[in-house]
């Protein structure tokens, strides 16, 4: 049974922070947390019911640092929280992929989503955002995505407490939870 999803920021991108997923799975299994991964960009579904979100994040971050020399943000959420991120999304969010690019910023436990949303710069007519439970939903008009201000979040202090996934990846992770 999958208890958590660990979302790792910035691995296997452009040849930087290389982390072979099969080896990561083996290392987590050896530490008592059997796992599955989705694509190469740091999505790990793992079974570690004896740990809370912070413990899972510490476990994964420790493996990344010790075995791959990669120091990056890991946000861990429970399987229930991941499901809620999809189930409680704003009405219509992610349903028009040809019109909008839709993303979810997953926040470390204890980070207030409303405050985090306030750190996102919005360009009227291009960007829109909503605070959820432990997440910020953000969408931008595809035809004007180069005018979006979403990327400016990377310059804000709150960025150290989040990682972002597109809607397709978010919903796929929930489907994988349901397949388990």
N, C-alpha and C. Protein backbone atom coordinates (compact mmCIF):
# COMPACT_ATOMS: atom_id res chain seq x y z
N UNK A 1 0.84 -1.19 0.00
CA UNK A 1 0.00 0.00 0.00
C UNK A 1 0.88 1.24 0.00
N UNK A 2 0.51 2.20 -0.79
CA UNK A 2 1.27 3.45 -0.87
C UNK A 2 0.77 4.42 0.18
N UNK A 3 1.68 4.91 1.01
CA UNK A 3 1.27 5.84 2.06
C UNK A 3 1.60 7.29 1.73
N UNK A 4 2.63 7.51 0.91
CA UNK A 4 3.09 8.87 0.64
C UNK A 4 3.52 9.04 -0.82
N UNK A 5 3.58 10.29 -1.22
CA UNK A 5 4.18 10.67 -2.49
C UNK A 5 5.26 11.69 -2.17
N UNK A 6 6.47 11.42 -2.63
CA UNK A 6 7.58 12.36 -2.47
C UNK A 6 7.80 13.04 -3.82
N UNK A 7 7.78 14.36 -3.80
CA UNK A 7 7.96 15.16 -5.01
C UNK A 7 9.31 15.85 -4.90
N UNK A 8 10.21 15.48 -5.79
CA UNK A 8 11.59 15.95 -5.74
C UNK A 8 11.76 17.03 -6.82
N UNK A 9 12.34 18.14 -6.44
CA UNK A 9 12.52 19.23 -7.39
C UNK A 9 13.90 19.16 -8.04
N UNK A 10 13.93 19.38 -9.36
CA UNK A 10 15.16 19.65 -10.08
C UNK A 10 16.11 18.49 -10.30
N UNK A 11 15.61 17.27 -10.43
CA UNK A 11 16.52 16.18 -10.76
C UNK A 11 16.31 15.75 -12.21
N UNK A 12 17.38 15.21 -12.78
CA UNK A 12 17.35 14.68 -14.16
C UNK A 12 16.85 15.72 -15.16
N UNK A 13 17.26 16.96 -14.95
CA UNK A 13 16.86 18.04 -15.85
C UNK A 13 18.11 18.57 -16.55
N UNK A 14 18.13 18.46 -17.86
CA UNK A 14 19.26 18.99 -18.63
C UNK A 14 20.60 18.40 -18.24
N UNK A 15 20.60 17.13 -17.83
CA UNK A 15 21.85 16.48 -17.46
C UNK A 15 22.36 16.83 -16.08
N UNK A 16 21.61 17.63 -15.35
CA UNK A 16 22.03 18.02 -13.99
C UNK A 16 21.29 17.20 -12.95
N UNK A 17 21.94 17.02 -11.81
CA UNK A 17 21.36 16.27 -10.69
C UNK A 17 20.81 14.91 -11.13
N UNK A 18 21.68 14.14 -11.77
CA UNK A 18 21.29 12.83 -12.28
C UNK A 18 20.99 11.86 -11.14
N UNK A 19 19.78 11.31 -11.18
CA UNK A 19 19.34 10.33 -10.20
C UNK A 19 18.63 9.21 -10.95
N UNK A 20 19.31 8.07 -11.14
CA UNK A 20 18.63 6.94 -11.79
C UNK A 20 17.49 6.44 -10.91
N UNK A 21 16.29 6.43 -11.46
CA UNK A 21 15.11 6.08 -10.67
C UNK A 21 15.16 4.65 -10.14
N UNK A 22 15.68 3.70 -10.92
CA UNK A 22 15.76 2.31 -10.45
C UNK A 22 16.66 2.23 -9.21
N UNK A 23 17.77 2.93 -9.24
CA UNK A 23 18.67 2.91 -8.08
C UNK A 23 18.02 3.60 -6.88
N UNK A 24 17.30 4.71 -7.12
CA UNK A 24 16.61 5.38 -6.02
C UNK A 24 15.58 4.44 -5.39
N UNK A 25 14.83 3.73 -6.22
CA UNK A 25 13.85 2.76 -5.69
C UNK A 25 14.55 1.69 -4.85
N UNK A 26 15.67 1.16 -5.33
CA UNK A 26 16.41 0.13 -4.59
C UNK A 26 16.89 0.66 -3.24
N UNK A 27 17.39 1.88 -3.23
CA UNK A 27 17.91 2.46 -1.99
C UNK A 27 16.79 2.72 -0.98
N UNK A 28 15.64 3.19 -1.46
CA UNK A 28 14.51 3.41 -0.57
C UNK A 28 13.99 2.08 -0.03
N UNK A 29 13.94 1.07 -0.88
CA UNK A 29 13.50 -0.25 -0.44
C UNK A 29 14.43 -0.78 0.65
N UNK A 30 15.73 -0.59 0.46
CA UNK A 30 16.72 -1.06 1.45
C UNK A 30 16.55 -0.33 2.79
N UNK A 31 15.95 0.84 2.76
CA UNK A 31 15.71 1.61 3.99
C UNK A 31 14.29 1.41 4.52
N UNK A 32 13.61 0.39 4.01
CA UNK A 32 12.29 0.05 4.52
C UNK A 32 11.13 0.83 3.94
N UNK A 33 11.34 1.43 2.77
CA UNK A 33 10.27 2.20 2.14
C UNK A 33 10.14 1.78 0.67
N UNK A 34 9.48 0.65 0.41
CA UNK A 34 9.30 0.21 -0.98
C UNK A 34 8.62 1.31 -1.79
N UNK A 35 9.06 1.48 -3.05
CA UNK A 35 8.55 2.60 -3.83
C UNK A 35 8.37 2.26 -5.30
N UNK A 36 7.64 3.14 -5.95
CA UNK A 36 7.49 3.17 -7.41
C UNK A 36 7.76 4.60 -7.83
N UNK A 37 8.19 4.78 -9.07
CA UNK A 37 8.44 6.13 -9.56
C UNK A 37 7.64 6.37 -10.83
N UNK A 38 7.43 7.63 -11.10
CA UNK A 38 6.75 8.04 -12.32
C UNK A 38 7.63 9.05 -13.03
N UNK A 39 7.95 8.78 -14.25
CA UNK A 39 8.86 9.54 -15.11
C UNK A 39 10.14 9.88 -14.35
N UNK A 40 11.06 10.49 -15.02
CA UNK A 40 12.39 10.72 -14.47
C UNK A 40 12.51 12.01 -13.65
N UNK A 41 11.42 12.75 -13.51
CA UNK A 41 11.54 14.07 -12.91
C UNK A 41 11.20 14.14 -11.42
N UNK A 42 11.32 13.03 -10.72
CA UNK A 42 11.24 13.09 -9.27
C UNK A 42 9.88 12.90 -8.64
N UNK A 43 9.16 11.90 -9.08
CA UNK A 43 7.87 11.57 -8.49
C UNK A 43 7.97 10.16 -7.93
N UNK A 44 7.90 10.03 -6.61
CA UNK A 44 8.10 8.75 -5.95
C UNK A 44 6.89 8.43 -5.08
N UNK A 45 6.27 7.30 -5.36
CA UNK A 45 5.18 6.80 -4.53
C UNK A 45 5.79 5.75 -3.63
N UNK A 46 5.67 5.92 -2.31
CA UNK A 46 6.33 4.97 -1.44
C UNK A 46 5.46 4.59 -0.25
N UNK A 47 5.80 3.43 0.29
CA UNK A 47 5.10 2.91 1.43
C UNK A 47 5.98 3.08 2.66
N UNK A 48 5.62 4.04 3.48
CA UNK A 48 6.35 4.31 4.72
C UNK A 48 5.36 4.78 5.78
N UNK A 49 4.39 3.92 6.14
CA UNK A 49 3.35 4.35 7.07
C UNK A 49 3.88 4.70 8.47
N UNK A 50 5.09 4.29 8.76
CA UNK A 50 5.69 4.58 10.06
C UNK A 50 6.27 6.00 10.12
N UNK A 51 6.26 6.72 8.99
CA UNK A 51 6.80 8.07 8.93
C UNK A 51 5.71 9.08 8.61
N UNK A 52 5.87 10.31 9.12
CA UNK A 52 4.99 11.39 8.71
C UNK A 52 5.60 12.07 7.47
N UNK A 53 4.97 13.14 7.00
CA UNK A 53 5.45 13.80 5.78
C UNK A 53 6.89 14.29 5.93
N UNK A 54 7.20 14.89 7.06
CA UNK A 54 8.57 15.39 7.27
C UNK A 54 9.57 14.24 7.29
N UNK A 55 9.18 13.12 7.90
CA UNK A 55 10.07 11.96 7.94
C UNK A 55 10.33 11.39 6.56
N UNK A 56 9.29 11.33 5.72
CA UNK A 56 9.46 10.85 4.35
C UNK A 56 10.35 11.80 3.57
N UNK A 57 10.11 13.10 3.70
CA UNK A 57 10.94 14.08 2.99
C UNK A 57 12.39 13.96 3.43
N UNK A 58 12.61 13.79 4.74
CA UNK A 58 13.98 13.64 5.24
C UNK A 58 14.63 12.36 4.72
N UNK A 59 13.87 11.27 4.69
CA UNK A 59 14.39 10.00 4.18
C UNK A 59 14.83 10.15 2.72
N UNK A 60 13.96 10.68 1.88
CA UNK A 60 14.27 10.81 0.45
C UNK A 60 15.41 11.81 0.25
N UNK A 61 15.36 12.94 0.94
CA UNK A 61 16.43 13.94 0.81
C UNK A 61 17.77 13.36 1.27
N UNK A 62 17.73 12.55 2.33
CA UNK A 62 18.96 11.92 2.81
C UNK A 62 19.56 10.96 1.80
N UNK A 63 18.71 10.15 1.17
CA UNK A 63 19.18 9.24 0.12
C UNK A 63 19.77 10.03 -1.04
N UNK A 64 19.09 11.08 -1.44
CA UNK A 64 19.59 11.89 -2.56
C UNK A 64 20.96 12.48 -2.25
N UNK A 65 21.12 12.99 -1.04
CA UNK A 65 22.38 13.62 -0.67
C UNK A 65 23.49 12.58 -0.47
N UNK A 66 23.19 11.53 0.28
CA UNK A 66 24.21 10.52 0.60
C UNK A 66 24.64 9.70 -0.62
N UNK A 67 23.70 9.31 -1.45
CA UNK A 67 24.00 8.36 -2.52
C UNK A 67 24.17 8.99 -3.90
N UNK A 68 23.66 10.22 -4.07
CA UNK A 68 23.75 10.86 -5.39
C UNK A 68 24.40 12.24 -5.33
N UNK A 69 24.73 12.70 -4.13
CA UNK A 69 25.30 14.04 -3.93
C UNK A 69 24.39 15.12 -4.51
N UNK A 70 23.09 14.94 -4.33
CA UNK A 70 22.09 15.90 -4.81
C UNK A 70 21.39 16.50 -3.60
N UNK A 71 21.47 17.81 -3.47
CA UNK A 71 20.83 18.55 -2.39
C UNK A 71 19.71 19.38 -3.01
N UNK A 72 18.47 18.98 -2.79
CA UNK A 72 17.34 19.66 -3.42
C UNK A 72 16.11 19.59 -2.52
N UNK A 73 15.09 20.29 -2.93
CA UNK A 73 13.83 20.32 -2.19
C UNK A 73 13.06 19.02 -2.43
N UNK A 74 12.58 18.43 -1.34
CA UNK A 74 11.68 17.28 -1.40
C UNK A 74 10.45 17.64 -0.59
N UNK A 75 9.31 17.60 -1.24
CA UNK A 75 8.04 17.81 -0.54
C UNK A 75 7.33 16.46 -0.52
N UNK A 76 7.01 15.99 0.66
CA UNK A 76 6.29 14.72 0.80
C UNK A 76 4.88 15.01 1.28
N UNK A 77 3.93 14.30 0.68
CA UNK A 77 2.53 14.42 1.08
C UNK A 77 1.98 13.01 1.28
N UNK A 78 0.95 12.91 2.09
CA UNK A 78 0.31 11.62 2.24
C UNK A 78 -0.47 11.30 0.97
N UNK A 79 -0.77 10.03 0.79
CA UNK A 79 -1.58 9.63 -0.36
C UNK A 79 -2.93 10.34 -0.32
N UNK A 80 -3.50 10.48 0.88
CA UNK A 80 -4.79 11.17 1.02
C UNK A 80 -4.68 12.64 0.61
N UNK A 81 -3.59 13.28 0.97
CA UNK A 81 -3.39 14.69 0.58
C UNK A 81 -3.26 14.82 -0.93
N UNK A 82 -2.56 13.89 -1.55
CA UNK A 82 -2.42 13.92 -3.01
C UNK A 82 -3.78 13.77 -3.68
N UNK A 83 -4.57 12.83 -3.18
CA UNK A 83 -5.92 12.65 -3.74
C UNK A 83 -6.76 13.91 -3.55
N UNK A 84 -6.67 14.51 -2.38
CA UNK A 84 -7.44 15.72 -2.09
C UNK A 84 -7.03 16.87 -3.00
N UNK A 85 -5.76 16.94 -3.36
CA UNK A 85 -5.31 18.00 -4.27
C UNK A 85 -6.04 17.93 -5.60
N UNK A 86 -6.36 16.73 -6.04
CA UNK A 86 -7.11 16.56 -7.29
C UNK A 86 -8.61 16.73 -7.03
N UNK A 87 -9.12 16.06 -6.01
CA UNK A 87 -10.56 16.08 -5.74
C UNK A 87 -11.08 17.46 -5.36
N UNK A 88 -10.24 18.27 -4.73
CA UNK A 88 -10.68 19.58 -4.23
C UNK A 88 -10.17 20.74 -5.08
N UNK A 89 -9.72 20.45 -6.28
CA UNK A 89 -9.26 21.51 -7.20
C UNK A 89 -10.43 22.43 -7.53
N UNK A 90 -10.14 23.68 -7.87
CA UNK A 90 -11.20 24.60 -8.27
C UNK A 90 -12.01 24.01 -9.43
N UNK A 91 -13.27 24.34 -9.48
CA UNK A 91 -14.16 23.84 -10.54
C UNK A 91 -13.54 24.13 -11.91
N UNK A 92 -13.45 23.09 -12.72
CA UNK A 92 -12.94 23.23 -14.08
C UNK A 92 -11.42 23.28 -14.21
N UNK A 93 -10.71 23.28 -13.09
CA UNK A 93 -9.24 23.37 -13.15
C UNK A 93 -8.68 22.17 -13.91
N UNK A 94 -7.83 22.44 -14.88
CA UNK A 94 -7.15 21.40 -15.63
C UNK A 94 -7.98 20.76 -16.73
N UNK A 95 -9.21 21.21 -16.91
CA UNK A 95 -10.09 20.57 -17.89
C UNK A 95 -9.97 21.15 -19.30
N UNK A 96 -9.20 22.21 -19.45
CA UNK A 96 -9.03 22.83 -20.77
C UNK A 96 -7.54 22.93 -21.11
N UNK A 97 -6.87 21.79 -21.31
CA UNK A 97 -5.42 21.83 -21.53
C UNK A 97 -5.00 22.54 -22.82
N UNK A 98 -5.89 22.67 -23.78
CA UNK A 98 -5.55 23.41 -24.99
C UNK A 98 -5.64 24.92 -24.78
N UNK A 99 -6.32 25.35 -23.73
CA UNK A 99 -6.50 26.77 -23.45
C UNK A 99 -5.58 27.25 -22.33
N UNK A 100 -5.39 26.42 -21.31
CA UNK A 100 -4.61 26.82 -20.14
C UNK A 100 -3.53 25.79 -19.81
N UNK A 101 -2.38 26.28 -19.35
CA UNK A 101 -1.37 25.45 -18.71
C UNK A 101 -1.72 25.48 -17.22
N UNK A 102 -1.93 24.32 -16.64
CA UNK A 102 -2.36 24.23 -15.24
C UNK A 102 -1.33 23.49 -14.41
N UNK A 103 -0.96 24.08 -13.28
CA UNK A 103 0.07 23.51 -12.40
C UNK A 103 -0.40 23.53 -10.96
N UNK A 104 0.20 22.67 -10.15
CA UNK A 104 -0.06 22.63 -8.72
C UNK A 104 1.27 22.77 -8.00
N UNK A 105 1.35 23.78 -7.12
CA UNK A 105 2.52 23.93 -6.25
C UNK A 105 2.20 23.20 -4.94
N UNK A 106 2.95 22.14 -4.67
CA UNK A 106 2.79 21.39 -3.43
C UNK A 106 3.68 22.02 -2.38
N UNK A 107 3.11 22.29 -1.22
CA UNK A 107 3.80 23.01 -0.15
C UNK A 107 4.22 22.07 0.96
N UNK A 108 5.35 22.37 1.56
CA UNK A 108 5.76 21.60 2.74
C UNK A 108 4.71 21.78 3.83
N UNK A 109 4.51 20.76 4.66
CA UNK A 109 3.56 20.89 5.76
C UNK A 109 3.89 22.12 6.61
N UNK A 110 2.84 22.82 7.01
CA UNK A 110 3.01 24.02 7.84
C UNK A 110 3.06 25.31 7.05
N UNK A 111 3.22 25.23 5.73
CA UNK A 111 3.24 26.45 4.91
C UNK A 111 1.80 26.81 4.57
N UNK A 112 1.41 28.03 4.87
CA UNK A 112 0.05 28.50 4.63
C UNK A 112 -0.17 28.75 3.14
N UNK A 113 -1.14 28.06 2.56
CA UNK A 113 -1.39 28.17 1.11
C UNK A 113 -1.84 29.56 0.71
N UNK A 114 -2.62 30.22 1.54
CA UNK A 114 -3.08 31.58 1.21
C UNK A 114 -1.90 32.55 1.17
N UNK A 115 -1.00 32.41 2.13
CA UNK A 115 0.19 33.28 2.13
C UNK A 115 1.07 32.96 0.93
N UNK A 116 1.23 31.68 0.63
CA UNK A 116 2.04 31.29 -0.53
C UNK A 116 1.43 31.84 -1.81
N UNK A 117 0.12 31.75 -1.95
CA UNK A 117 -0.54 32.29 -3.13
C UNK A 117 -0.23 33.77 -3.30
N UNK A 118 -0.18 34.50 -2.20
CA UNK A 118 0.14 35.93 -2.24
C UNK A 118 1.51 36.22 -2.80
N UNK A 119 2.40 35.23 -2.79
CA UNK A 119 3.75 35.41 -3.32
C UNK A 119 3.82 35.20 -4.84
N UNK A 120 2.78 34.59 -5.40
CA UNK A 120 2.74 34.40 -6.85
C UNK A 120 2.36 35.72 -7.50
N UNK A 121 3.13 36.15 -8.46
CA UNK A 121 2.79 37.36 -9.21
C UNK A 121 1.81 36.97 -10.31
N UNK A 122 0.75 37.72 -10.43
CA UNK A 122 -0.28 37.42 -11.42
C UNK A 122 -0.35 38.54 -12.46
N UNK A 123 -0.36 38.15 -13.70
CA UNK A 123 -0.58 39.12 -14.77
C UNK A 123 -2.05 39.01 -15.17
N UNK A 124 -2.78 40.11 -14.99
CA UNK A 124 -4.21 40.12 -15.30
C UNK A 124 -4.45 39.67 -16.74
N UNK A 125 -5.42 38.79 -16.90
CA UNK A 125 -5.78 38.28 -18.21
C UNK A 125 -4.92 37.11 -18.68
N UNK A 126 -3.87 36.79 -17.91
CA UNK A 126 -2.97 35.69 -18.27
C UNK A 126 -2.95 34.64 -17.17
N UNK A 127 -2.77 35.08 -15.93
CA UNK A 127 -2.56 34.19 -14.80
C UNK A 127 -3.76 34.19 -13.85
N UNK A 128 -3.97 33.05 -13.22
CA UNK A 128 -4.97 32.93 -12.16
C UNK A 128 -4.47 31.90 -11.16
N UNK A 129 -4.80 32.11 -9.88
CA UNK A 129 -4.35 31.19 -8.85
C UNK A 129 -5.37 31.05 -7.74
N UNK A 130 -5.31 29.91 -7.06
CA UNK A 130 -6.21 29.60 -5.96
C UNK A 130 -5.43 28.85 -4.88
N UNK A 131 -5.75 29.14 -3.64
CA UNK A 131 -5.16 28.41 -2.52
C UNK A 131 -6.02 27.20 -2.22
N UNK A 132 -5.37 26.07 -2.01
CA UNK A 132 -6.05 24.85 -1.59
C UNK A 132 -5.47 24.41 -0.26
N UNK A 133 -5.74 23.20 0.11
CA UNK A 133 -5.20 22.64 1.36
C UNK A 133 -3.79 22.10 1.09
N UNK A 134 -2.78 22.87 1.46
CA UNK A 134 -1.40 22.45 1.26
C UNK A 134 -0.90 22.61 -0.17
N UNK A 135 -1.69 23.27 -1.01
CA UNK A 135 -1.31 23.46 -2.41
C UNK A 135 -1.74 24.84 -2.90
N UNK A 136 -1.10 25.26 -3.97
CA UNK A 136 -1.54 26.44 -4.72
C UNK A 136 -1.77 25.98 -6.14
N UNK A 137 -2.97 26.25 -6.64
CA UNK A 137 -3.32 25.95 -8.03
C UNK A 137 -3.00 27.20 -8.85
N UNK A 138 -2.36 27.00 -9.98
CA UNK A 138 -1.96 28.12 -10.81
C UNK A 138 -2.20 27.76 -12.26
N UNK A 139 -2.84 28.66 -12.98
CA UNK A 139 -3.02 28.40 -14.40
C UNK A 139 -2.69 29.66 -15.18
N UNK A 140 -2.23 29.45 -16.40
CA UNK A 140 -1.90 30.57 -17.27
C UNK A 140 -2.44 30.29 -18.66
N UNK A 141 -2.87 31.34 -19.31
CA UNK A 141 -3.43 31.25 -20.64
C UNK A 141 -2.34 30.78 -21.60
N UNK A 142 -2.56 29.65 -22.25
CA UNK A 142 -1.53 29.05 -23.11
C UNK A 142 -1.08 30.00 -24.21
N UNK A 143 -2.01 30.70 -24.83
CA UNK A 143 -1.67 31.59 -25.94
C UNK A 143 -0.79 32.75 -25.50
N UNK A 144 -0.75 33.03 -24.19
CA UNK A 144 0.06 34.14 -23.69
C UNK A 144 1.01 33.68 -22.58
N UNK A 145 1.36 32.41 -22.60
CA UNK A 145 2.18 31.88 -21.50
C UNK A 145 3.53 32.57 -21.37
N UNK A 146 4.07 33.13 -22.44
CA UNK A 146 5.35 33.85 -22.34
C UNK A 146 5.20 35.15 -21.55
N UNK A 147 3.98 35.61 -21.37
CA UNK A 147 3.71 36.82 -20.58
C UNK A 147 3.40 36.49 -19.13
N UNK A 148 3.28 35.20 -18.82
CA UNK A 148 2.95 34.76 -17.46
C UNK A 148 4.04 35.18 -16.49
N UNK A 149 3.63 35.41 -15.27
CA UNK A 149 4.58 35.74 -14.20
C UNK A 149 4.82 34.58 -13.25
N UNK A 150 4.33 33.40 -13.62
CA UNK A 150 4.48 32.26 -12.73
C UNK A 150 5.93 32.00 -12.36
N UNK A 151 6.82 32.10 -13.31
CA UNK A 151 8.22 31.77 -13.04
C UNK A 151 8.85 32.67 -11.99
N UNK A 152 8.27 33.83 -11.73
CA UNK A 152 8.85 34.73 -10.73
C UNK A 152 8.79 34.14 -9.33
N UNK A 153 7.98 33.10 -9.11
CA UNK A 153 7.91 32.47 -7.79
C UNK A 153 9.28 31.93 -7.37
N UNK A 154 10.09 31.56 -8.35
CA UNK A 154 11.41 31.00 -8.05
C UNK A 154 12.33 32.01 -7.36
N UNK A 155 12.00 33.28 -7.41
CA UNK A 155 12.82 34.31 -6.76
C UNK A 155 12.34 34.64 -5.35
N UNK A 156 11.26 34.01 -4.91
CA UNK A 156 10.66 34.34 -3.61
C UNK A 156 11.12 33.34 -2.54
N UNK A 157 11.23 33.79 -1.29
CA UNK A 157 11.66 32.89 -0.21
C UNK A 157 10.79 31.65 -0.06
N UNK A 158 9.49 31.75 -0.32
CA UNK A 158 8.59 30.61 -0.16
C UNK A 158 8.92 29.47 -1.13
N UNK A 159 9.65 29.77 -2.18
CA UNK A 159 9.97 28.74 -3.18
C UNK A 159 10.75 27.58 -2.58
N UNK A 160 11.50 27.83 -1.51
CA UNK A 160 12.26 26.75 -0.86
C UNK A 160 11.34 25.74 -0.18
N UNK A 161 10.08 26.09 -0.06
CA UNK A 161 9.11 25.23 0.63
C UNK A 161 8.07 24.64 -0.31
N UNK A 162 8.39 24.55 -1.60
CA UNK A 162 7.41 24.01 -2.56
C UNK A 162 8.09 23.33 -3.72
N UNK A 163 7.33 22.55 -4.41
CA UNK A 163 7.72 22.03 -5.71
C UNK A 163 6.47 21.98 -6.56
N UNK A 164 6.62 22.14 -7.85
CA UNK A 164 5.48 22.33 -8.75
C UNK A 164 5.38 21.16 -9.72
N UNK A 165 4.15 20.71 -9.94
CA UNK A 165 3.86 19.66 -10.92
C UNK A 165 2.75 20.13 -11.83
N UNK A 166 2.83 19.75 -13.11
CA UNK A 166 1.74 20.09 -14.00
C UNK A 166 0.54 19.21 -13.67
N UNK A 167 -0.61 19.62 -14.16
CA UNK A 167 -1.85 18.93 -13.82
C UNK A 167 -1.86 17.49 -14.32
N UNK A 168 -1.31 17.26 -15.50
CA UNK A 168 -1.29 15.90 -16.04
C UNK A 168 -0.48 14.97 -15.12
N UNK A 169 0.64 15.42 -14.64
CA UNK A 169 1.45 14.61 -13.72
C UNK A 169 0.71 14.41 -12.41
N UNK A 170 0.11 15.46 -11.90
CA UNK A 170 -0.62 15.37 -10.63
C UNK A 170 -1.74 14.33 -10.72
N UNK A 171 -2.53 14.39 -11.77
CA UNK A 171 -3.64 13.44 -11.90
C UNK A 171 -3.13 12.03 -12.18
N UNK A 172 -2.00 11.91 -12.88
CA UNK A 172 -1.43 10.57 -13.13
C UNK A 172 -0.93 9.94 -11.82
N UNK A 173 -0.34 10.74 -10.95
CA UNK A 173 0.11 10.21 -9.67
C UNK A 173 -1.08 9.69 -8.85
N UNK A 174 -2.19 10.41 -8.89
CA UNK A 174 -3.38 9.94 -8.18
C UNK A 174 -3.89 8.65 -8.80
N UNK A 175 -3.88 8.57 -10.12
CA UNK A 175 -4.30 7.32 -10.79
C UNK A 175 -3.39 6.17 -10.37
N UNK A 176 -2.10 6.43 -10.24
CA UNK A 176 -1.19 5.38 -9.79
C UNK A 176 -1.48 4.97 -8.34
N UNK A 177 -1.86 5.92 -7.51
CA UNK A 177 -2.26 5.57 -6.14
C UNK A 177 -3.47 4.65 -6.17
N UNK A 178 -4.40 4.95 -7.03
CA UNK A 178 -5.62 4.16 -7.11
C UNK A 178 -5.38 2.78 -7.71
N UNK A 179 -4.32 2.63 -8.52
CA UNK A 179 -3.98 1.34 -9.13
C UNK A 179 -3.32 0.40 -8.12
N UNK A 180 -2.77 0.96 -7.08
CA UNK A 180 -1.99 0.16 -6.12
C UNK A 180 -2.88 -0.76 -5.31
